[in-house]
Amino acid sequence: MQRDSYVPATGPETTLARLRTTGRIVLPLAAAAAVTWLGVVVFLEVVTTLLM
């Protein structure tokens, strides 16, 4: 049984790969959250200025 091929690569390669995969997932979510937050803030500003 060869276990050399099964040993996962440790070090900066795995961390870079993890950062890439998490970046692909997190970046669109962060962008959508920022756009939604900005939309809510602008909406609240308009509502408060209209109600004043």
C-alpha atoms as a PDB file:
ATOM      1  CA  MET A   1       0.000   0.000   0.000  1.00  0.00           C
ATOM      2  CA  GLN A   2       1.490   3.300  -1.073  1.00  0.00           C
ATOM      3  CA  ARG A   3       0.483   6.148   1.171  1.00  0.00           C
ATOM      4  CA  ASP A   4       2.767   8.764  -0.359  1.00  0.00           C
ATOM      5  CA  SER A   5       0.261   9.734  -3.042  1.00  0.00           C
ATOM      6  CA  TYR A   6      -2.487  10.040  -0.410  1.00  0.00           C
ATOM      7  CA  VAL A   7      -0.642  12.553   1.768  1.00  0.00           C
ATOM      8  CA  PRO A   8      -2.261  15.962   1.244  1.00  0.00           C
ATOM      9  CA  ALA A   9      -0.029  18.867   0.337  1.00  0.00           C
ATOM     10  CA  THR A  10       0.668  21.001   3.369  1.00  0.00           C
ATOM     11  CA  GLY A  11       1.912  24.543   3.440  1.00  0.00           C
ATOM     12  CA  PRO A  12       1.130  27.594   1.319  1.00  0.00           C
ATOM     13  CA  GLU A  13      -0.336  25.576  -1.573  1.00  0.00           C
ATOM     14  CA  THR A  14      -3.340  24.362   0.401  1.00  0.00           C
ATOM     15  CA  THR A  15      -3.870  27.728   2.069  1.00  0.00           C
ATOM     16  CA  LEU A  16      -3.805  29.479  -1.318  1.00  0.00           C
ATOM     17  CA  ALA A  17      -6.256  26.951  -2.741  1.00  0.00           C
ATOM     18  CA  ARG A  18      -8.518  27.378   0.284  1.00  0.00           C
ATOM     19  CA  LEU A  19      -8.340  31.157  -0.044  1.00  0.00           C
ATOM     20  CA  ARG A  20      -9.239  30.894  -3.720  1.00  0.00           C
ATOM     21  CA  THR A  21     -12.219  28.610  -3.116  1.00  0.00           C
ATOM     22  CA  THR A  22     -13.485  30.624  -0.146  1.00  0.00           C
ATOM     23  CA  GLY A  23     -12.910  33.848  -2.100  1.00  0.00           C
ATOM     24  CA  ARG A  24     -15.061  32.551  -4.934  1.00  0.00           C
ATOM     25  CA  ILE A  25     -17.865  31.892  -2.449  1.00  0.00           C
ATOM     26  CA  VAL A  26     -17.415  34.849  -0.100  1.00  0.00           C
ATOM     27  CA  LEU A  27     -16.773  37.659  -2.584  1.00  0.00           C
ATOM     28  CA  PRO A  28     -20.161  37.483  -4.386  1.00  0.00           C
ATOM     29  CA  LEU A  29     -21.917  37.178  -1.018  1.00  0.00           C
ATOM     30  CA  ALA A  30     -20.037  40.189   0.339  1.00  0.00           C
ATOM     31  CA  ALA A  31     -20.822  42.195  -2.807  1.00  0.00           C
ATOM     32  CA  ALA A  32     -24.514  41.291  -2.609  1.00  0.00           C
ATOM     33  CA  ALA A  33     -24.594  42.164   1.099  1.00  0.00           C
ATOM     34  CA  ALA A  34     -22.907  45.523   0.458  1.00  0.00           C
ATOM     35  CA  VAL A  35     -25.323  46.373  -2.369  1.00  0.00           C
ATOM     36  CA  THR A  36     -28.306  45.359  -0.240  1.00  0.00           C
ATOM     37  CA  TRP A  37     -27.015  47.376   2.732  1.00  0.00           C
ATOM     38  CA  LEU A  38     -26.454  50.434   0.542  1.00  0.00           C
ATOM     39  CA  GLY A  39     -29.940  50.038  -0.890  1.00  0.00           C
ATOM     40  CA  VAL A  40     -31.446  49.850   2.605  1.00  0.00           C
ATOM     41  CA  VAL A  41     -29.487  52.915   3.746  1.00  0.00           C
ATOM     42  CA  VAL A  42     -30.553  54.946   0.707  1.00  0.00           C
ATOM     43  CA  PHE A  43     -34.150  53.806   1.147  1.00  0.00           C
ATOM     44  CA  LEU A  44     -34.142  54.827   4.819  1.00  0.00           C
ATOM     45  CA  GLU A  45     -32.603  58.196   3.946  1.00  0.00           C
ATOM     46  CA  VAL A  46     -35.299  58.856   1.324  1.00  0.00           C
ATOM     47  CA  VAL A  47     -38.080  57.765   3.678  1.00  0.00           C
ATOM     48  CA  THR A  48     -36.828  59.917   6.549  1.00  0.00           C
ATOM     49  CA  THR A  49     -36.397  62.969   4.284  1.00  0.00           C
ATOM     50  CA  LEU A  50     -39.903  62.476   2.874  1.00  0.00           C
ATOM     51  CA  LEU A  51     -41.458  62.052   6.323  1.00  0.00           C
ATOM     52  CA  MET A  52     -39.708  65.032   7.884  1.00  0.00           C
END
